[in-house]
Amino acid sequence: MKKNFNKKGSIKRRKIKNKTNFKIRNMLLLLLAIMAVNAIFFNNNSYSKVEVSYKTELISSGDTLWSIARRESQNNKYYQDKDLREIVYNLKQVNNLQTSDLSVGQKIKIPKI
């Protein structure tokens, strides 16, 4: 086994024999360190899985997306603490609605937890 210390007790300096290998090794170590930092600090995965299901509601006379959103914000945990405008937008997305117009007898899906 080689000794890494000189006669004075200080560490011997090693001479780089192959600069290309040295550069490649250092770049790989730097890349590995960057990947490790990203994995630790920028991991945005959620480990709690919430199962979303849908209920179907039949539209009655006088129903609007706004009135449905108001009712769901009070009774549906899926929409808990959300703004009514956000709920209306979500209902339009879920049901592929281009406008907020609803027809009597129309069925719409409403997410629930």
N, C-alpha and C. Protein backbone atom coordinates (compact mmCIF):
# COMPACT_ATOMS: atom_id res chain seq x y z
N MET A 1 0.84 -1.17 0.00
CA MET A 1 0.00 0.00 0.00
C MET A 1 0.89 1.24 0.00
N LYS A 2 0.55 2.21 -0.86
CA LYS A 2 1.35 3.42 -0.95
C LYS A 2 1.02 4.34 0.21
N LYS A 3 2.03 5.02 0.66
CA LYS A 3 1.82 6.01 1.71
C LYS A 3 1.45 7.33 1.06
N ASN A 4 0.44 8.00 1.62
CA ASN A 4 -0.02 9.27 1.08
C ASN A 4 0.62 10.46 1.79
N PHE A 5 1.60 10.19 2.63
CA PHE A 5 2.23 11.27 3.38
C PHE A 5 3.72 11.30 3.07
N ASN A 6 4.29 12.51 3.04
CA ASN A 6 5.73 12.62 2.83
C ASN A 6 6.44 12.55 4.19
N LYS A 7 7.73 12.76 4.19
CA LYS A 7 8.52 12.64 5.41
C LYS A 7 8.13 13.68 6.46
N LYS A 8 7.65 14.84 6.04
CA LYS A 8 7.28 15.89 6.98
C LYS A 8 5.89 15.66 7.59
N GLY A 9 5.18 14.67 7.11
CA GLY A 9 3.85 14.38 7.65
C GLY A 9 2.72 15.03 6.89
N SER A 10 3.03 15.80 5.86
CA SER A 10 1.95 16.42 5.09
C SER A 10 1.56 15.49 3.93
N ILE A 11 0.40 15.74 3.38
CA ILE A 11 -0.12 14.88 2.33
C ILE A 11 0.66 15.11 1.04
N LYS A 12 0.98 14.01 0.39
CA LYS A 12 1.67 14.09 -0.90
C LYS A 12 0.71 14.58 -1.97
N ARG A 13 1.21 15.43 -2.84
CA ARG A 13 0.43 15.88 -3.99
C ARG A 13 0.56 14.85 -5.08
N ARG A 14 -0.56 14.54 -5.69
CA ARG A 14 -0.53 13.59 -6.79
C ARG A 14 -0.59 14.36 -8.10
N LYS A 15 0.14 13.92 -9.06
CA LYS A 15 0.14 14.56 -10.36
C LYS A 15 -0.94 13.91 -11.23
N ILE A 16 -1.67 14.77 -11.95
CA ILE A 16 -2.71 14.27 -12.84
C ILE A 16 -2.02 13.68 -14.06
N LYS A 17 -2.28 12.39 -14.29
CA LYS A 17 -1.62 11.71 -15.39
C LYS A 17 -2.37 11.87 -16.70
N ASN A 18 -3.69 11.80 -16.65
CA ASN A 18 -4.49 11.90 -17.86
C ASN A 18 -5.54 12.99 -17.64
N LYS A 19 -5.32 14.15 -18.24
CA LYS A 19 -6.22 15.29 -18.02
C LYS A 19 -7.63 15.03 -18.56
N THR A 20 -7.75 14.31 -19.65
CA THR A 20 -9.07 14.03 -20.23
C THR A 20 -9.90 13.20 -19.26
N ASN A 21 -9.33 12.13 -18.73
CA ASN A 21 -10.05 11.30 -17.76
C ASN A 21 -10.40 12.10 -16.51
N PHE A 22 -9.51 12.95 -16.08
CA PHE A 22 -9.74 13.79 -14.91
C PHE A 22 -10.94 14.72 -15.14
N LYS A 23 -10.98 15.35 -16.32
CA LYS A 23 -12.09 16.25 -16.64
C LYS A 23 -13.41 15.49 -16.74
N ILE A 24 -13.39 14.35 -17.40
CA ILE A 24 -14.62 13.55 -17.55
C ILE A 24 -15.13 13.11 -16.19
N ARG A 25 -14.23 12.62 -15.33
CA ARG A 25 -14.63 12.17 -14.00
C ARG A 25 -15.22 13.32 -13.18
N ASN A 26 -14.60 14.49 -13.25
CA ASN A 26 -15.12 15.63 -12.50
C ASN A 26 -16.46 16.11 -13.05
N MET A 27 -16.63 16.09 -14.36
CA MET A 27 -17.92 16.48 -14.94
C MET A 27 -19.02 15.50 -14.53
N LEU A 28 -18.71 14.20 -14.52
CA LEU A 28 -19.69 13.20 -14.10
C LEU A 28 -20.05 13.38 -12.62
N LEU A 29 -19.07 13.67 -11.80
CA LEU A 29 -19.34 13.91 -10.38
C LEU A 29 -20.21 15.16 -10.19
N LEU A 30 -19.92 16.20 -10.96
CA LEU A 30 -20.72 17.42 -10.88
C LEU A 30 -22.16 17.16 -11.35
N LEU A 31 -22.31 16.43 -12.42
CA LEU A 31 -23.63 16.09 -12.93
C LEU A 31 -24.40 15.24 -11.91
N LEU A 32 -23.75 14.30 -11.31
CA LEU A 32 -24.36 13.46 -10.27
C LEU A 32 -24.80 14.31 -9.08
N ALA A 33 -23.97 15.26 -8.67
CA ALA A 33 -24.31 16.14 -7.55
C ALA A 33 -25.53 17.01 -7.90
N ILE A 34 -25.57 17.54 -9.11
CA ILE A 34 -26.71 18.36 -9.54
C ILE A 34 -27.99 17.52 -9.56
N MET A 35 -27.91 16.30 -10.06
CA MET A 35 -29.08 15.43 -10.09
C MET A 35 -29.56 15.10 -8.68
N ALA A 36 -28.63 14.88 -7.76
CA ALA A 36 -29.00 14.58 -6.38
C ALA A 36 -29.70 15.77 -5.73
N VAL A 37 -29.18 16.97 -5.96
CA VAL A 37 -29.80 18.18 -5.40
C VAL A 37 -31.20 18.36 -5.98
N ASN A 38 -31.37 18.17 -7.28
CA ASN A 38 -32.68 18.27 -7.90
C ASN A 38 -33.66 17.25 -7.34
N ALA A 39 -33.19 16.03 -7.15
CA ALA A 39 -34.07 14.99 -6.62
C ALA A 39 -34.51 15.29 -5.20
N ILE A 40 -33.64 15.90 -4.42
CA ILE A 40 -33.96 16.19 -3.02
C ILE A 40 -34.85 17.42 -2.89
N PHE A 41 -34.49 18.51 -3.54
CA PHE A 41 -35.17 19.78 -3.31
C PHE A 41 -36.30 20.10 -4.27
N PHE A 42 -36.31 19.50 -5.44
CA PHE A 42 -37.32 19.86 -6.42
C PHE A 42 -38.26 18.71 -6.74
N ASN A 43 -38.40 17.80 -5.83
CA ASN A 43 -39.31 16.68 -6.00
C ASN A 43 -40.70 17.12 -5.58
N ASN A 44 -41.60 17.29 -6.55
CA ASN A 44 -42.94 17.79 -6.27
C ASN A 44 -43.99 16.69 -6.31
N ASN A 45 -43.58 15.45 -6.19
CA ASN A 45 -44.54 14.37 -6.21
C ASN A 45 -45.39 14.39 -4.95
N SER A 46 -46.64 14.14 -5.14
CA SER A 46 -47.55 14.04 -4.01
C SER A 46 -47.70 12.56 -3.69
N TYR A 47 -47.53 12.20 -2.45
CA TYR A 47 -47.62 10.81 -2.07
C TYR A 47 -48.98 10.44 -1.52
N SER A 48 -49.88 11.41 -1.42
CA SER A 48 -51.23 11.10 -1.00
C SER A 48 -52.12 11.08 -2.23
N LYS A 49 -52.73 9.98 -2.46
CA LYS A 49 -53.57 9.84 -3.66
C LYS A 49 -55.02 9.99 -3.24
N VAL A 50 -55.69 10.94 -3.86
CA VAL A 50 -57.10 11.17 -3.58
C VAL A 50 -57.88 10.62 -4.77
N GLU A 51 -58.78 9.73 -4.49
CA GLU A 51 -59.60 9.12 -5.52
C GLU A 51 -60.77 10.05 -5.82
N VAL A 52 -60.85 10.53 -7.04
CA VAL A 52 -61.93 11.42 -7.45
C VAL A 52 -62.96 10.60 -8.22
N SER A 53 -64.20 10.73 -7.82
CA SER A 53 -65.28 10.10 -8.56
C SER A 53 -66.24 11.22 -8.99
N TYR A 54 -67.28 10.85 -9.73
CA TYR A 54 -68.19 11.85 -10.26
C TYR A 54 -69.63 11.45 -9.94
N LYS A 55 -70.40 12.46 -9.63
CA LYS A 55 -71.84 12.25 -9.51
C LYS A 55 -72.49 12.96 -10.68
N THR A 56 -73.62 12.46 -11.12
CA THR A 56 -74.35 13.05 -12.24
C THR A 56 -75.54 13.82 -11.69
N GLU A 57 -75.72 15.03 -12.19
CA GLU A 57 -76.85 15.85 -11.75
C GLU A 57 -77.68 16.23 -12.95
N LEU A 58 -78.98 16.12 -12.78
CA LEU A 58 -79.93 16.49 -13.83
C LEU A 58 -80.30 17.95 -13.63
N ILE A 59 -80.17 18.74 -14.67
CA ILE A 59 -80.43 20.18 -14.59
C ILE A 59 -81.94 20.44 -14.56
N SER A 60 -82.34 21.24 -13.57
CA SER A 60 -83.75 21.63 -13.41
C SER A 60 -83.90 23.08 -13.84
N SER A 61 -85.14 23.50 -13.91
CA SER A 61 -85.43 24.89 -14.26
C SER A 61 -84.83 25.82 -13.21
N GLY A 62 -84.10 26.83 -13.63
CA GLY A 62 -83.50 27.81 -12.72
C GLY A 62 -82.08 27.48 -12.31
N ASP A 63 -81.60 26.27 -12.64
CA ASP A 63 -80.21 25.91 -12.30
C ASP A 63 -79.24 26.67 -13.20
N THR A 64 -78.19 27.17 -12.61
CA THR A 64 -77.09 27.79 -13.36
C THR A 64 -75.80 27.19 -12.84
N LEU A 65 -74.73 27.33 -13.60
CA LEU A 65 -73.43 26.85 -13.11
C LEU A 65 -73.06 27.55 -11.82
N TRP A 66 -73.43 28.84 -11.73
CA TRP A 66 -73.11 29.61 -10.53
C TRP A 66 -73.84 29.05 -9.30
N SER A 67 -75.13 28.73 -9.46
CA SER A 67 -75.89 28.19 -8.32
C SER A 67 -75.40 26.80 -7.93
N ILE A 68 -75.04 26.01 -8.93
CA ILE A 68 -74.49 24.68 -8.65
C ILE A 68 -73.14 24.82 -7.95
N ALA A 69 -72.32 25.75 -8.42
CA ALA A 69 -71.01 25.98 -7.81
C ALA A 69 -71.16 26.42 -6.35
N ARG A 70 -72.12 27.30 -6.08
CA ARG A 70 -72.35 27.77 -4.71
C ARG A 70 -72.75 26.60 -3.80
N ARG A 71 -73.67 25.77 -4.30
CA ARG A 71 -74.12 24.62 -3.51
C ARG A 71 -72.97 23.63 -3.28
N GLU A 72 -72.20 23.36 -4.33
CA GLU A 72 -71.10 22.39 -4.20
C GLU A 72 -69.98 22.92 -3.31
N SER A 73 -69.76 24.22 -3.29
CA SER A 73 -68.70 24.77 -2.43
C SER A 73 -69.03 24.56 -0.95
N GLN A 74 -70.32 24.45 -0.63
CA GLN A 74 -70.74 24.25 0.76
C GLN A 74 -70.87 22.77 1.13
N ASN A 75 -71.16 21.92 0.14
CA ASN A 75 -71.49 20.52 0.44
C ASN A 75 -70.50 19.50 -0.09
N ASN A 76 -69.52 19.91 -0.89
CA ASN A 76 -68.65 18.97 -1.58
C ASN A 76 -67.20 19.21 -1.14
N LYS A 77 -66.56 18.20 -0.55
CA LYS A 77 -65.17 18.36 -0.08
C LYS A 77 -64.20 18.63 -1.23
N TYR A 78 -64.54 18.18 -2.41
CA TYR A 78 -63.68 18.40 -3.57
C TYR A 78 -63.49 19.89 -3.83
N TYR A 79 -64.54 20.67 -3.59
CA TYR A 79 -64.50 22.10 -3.85
C TYR A 79 -64.32 22.94 -2.58
N GLN A 80 -63.94 22.30 -1.50
CA GLN A 80 -63.75 23.00 -0.23
C GLN A 80 -62.68 24.08 -0.37
N ASP A 81 -62.97 25.27 0.14
CA ASP A 81 -62.04 26.42 0.14
C ASP A 81 -61.66 26.90 -1.26
N LYS A 82 -62.51 26.69 -2.25
CA LYS A 82 -62.23 27.19 -3.59
C LYS A 82 -63.19 28.32 -3.93
N ASP A 83 -62.70 29.22 -4.74
CA ASP A 83 -63.49 30.35 -5.20
C ASP A 83 -64.59 29.87 -6.16
N LEU A 84 -65.76 30.50 -6.12
CA LEU A 84 -66.87 30.09 -6.98
C LEU A 84 -66.50 30.16 -8.46
N ARG A 85 -65.73 31.17 -8.84
CA ARG A 85 -65.31 31.28 -10.25
C ARG A 85 -64.46 30.09 -10.68
N GLU A 86 -63.63 29.62 -9.77
CA GLU A 86 -62.79 28.45 -10.05
C GLU A 86 -63.65 27.20 -10.19
N ILE A 87 -64.68 27.09 -9.36
CA ILE A 87 -65.58 25.93 -9.43
C ILE A 87 -66.36 25.95 -10.75
N VAL A 88 -66.88 27.11 -11.13
CA VAL A 88 -67.61 27.22 -12.40
C VAL A 88 -66.69 26.84 -13.55
N TYR A 89 -65.46 27.33 -13.54
CA TYR A 89 -64.49 27.01 -14.60
C TYR A 89 -64.24 25.50 -14.64
N ASN A 90 -64.07 24.89 -13.47
CA ASN A 90 -63.82 23.45 -13.40
C ASN A 90 -65.02 22.65 -13.91
N LEU A 91 -66.22 23.05 -13.53
CA LEU A 91 -67.42 22.36 -14.02
C LEU A 91 -67.52 22.44 -15.54
N LYS A 92 -67.17 23.59 -16.11
CA LYS A 92 -67.18 23.73 -17.56
C LYS A 92 -66.15 22.80 -18.20
N GLN A 93 -64.99 22.70 -17.60
CA GLN A 93 -63.94 21.81 -18.15
C GLN A 93 -64.36 20.36 -18.07
N VAL A 94 -64.83 19.93 -16.91
CA VAL A 94 -65.20 18.53 -16.70
C VAL A 94 -66.29 18.11 -17.68
N ASN A 95 -67.21 19.03 -17.98
CA ASN A 95 -68.35 18.70 -18.84
C ASN A 95 -68.19 19.16 -20.28
N ASN A 96 -67.00 19.63 -20.62
CA ASN A 96 -66.71 20.09 -22.00
C ASN A 96 -67.72 21.13 -22.47
N LEU A 97 -68.02 22.09 -21.62
CA LEU A 97 -68.97 23.15 -21.96
C LEU A 97 -68.21 24.36 -22.51
N GLN A 98 -68.67 24.87 -23.64
CA GLN A 98 -68.05 26.06 -24.21
C GLN A 98 -68.59 27.33 -23.56
N THR A 99 -69.86 27.28 -23.15
CA THR A 99 -70.50 28.43 -22.50
C THR A 99 -71.07 27.97 -21.16
N SER A 100 -71.62 28.92 -20.43
CA SER A 100 -72.22 28.60 -19.13
C SER A 100 -73.71 28.27 -19.26
N ASP A 101 -74.20 28.18 -20.47
CA ASP A 101 -75.62 27.90 -20.69
C ASP A 101 -75.93 26.44 -20.38
N LEU A 102 -77.00 26.23 -19.60
CA LEU A 102 -77.46 24.88 -19.28
C LEU A 102 -78.90 24.74 -19.76
N SER A 103 -79.28 23.52 -20.11
CA SER A 103 -80.63 23.24 -20.57
C SER A 103 -81.33 22.34 -19.57
N VAL A 104 -82.63 22.53 -19.39
CA VAL A 104 -83.41 21.67 -18.51
C VAL A 104 -83.33 20.24 -19.06
N GLY A 105 -83.04 19.30 -18.17
CA GLY A 105 -82.91 17.90 -18.57
C GLY A 105 -81.48 17.49 -18.92
N GLN A 106 -80.59 18.45 -19.03
CA GLN A 106 -79.18 18.17 -19.33
C GLN A 106 -78.55 17.50 -18.11
N LYS A 107 -77.63 16.59 -18.35
CA LYS A 107 -76.91 15.94 -17.26
C LYS A 107 -75.49 16.48 -17.23
N ILE A 108 -75.01 16.81 -16.03
CA ILE A 108 -73.63 17.25 -15.89
C ILE A 108 -72.95 16.40 -14.81
N LYS A 109 -71.65 16.22 -15.00
CA LYS A 109 -70.84 15.48 -14.02
C LYS A 109 -70.25 16.47 -13.04
N ILE A 110 -70.25 16.07 -11.76
CA ILE A 110 -69.68 16.90 -10.71
C ILE A 110 -68.66 16.06 -9.94
N PRO A 111 -67.39 16.50 -9.90
CA PRO A 111 -66.38 15.74 -9.16
C PRO A 111 -66.70 15.72 -7.66
N LYS A 112 -66.34 14.61 -7.03
CA LYS A 112 -66.49 14.51 -5.57
C LYS A 112 -65.40 13.60 -5.03
N ILE A 113 -65.15 13.74 -3.73
CA ILE A 113 -64.14 12.90 -3.07
C ILE A 113 -64.87 11.84 -2.26
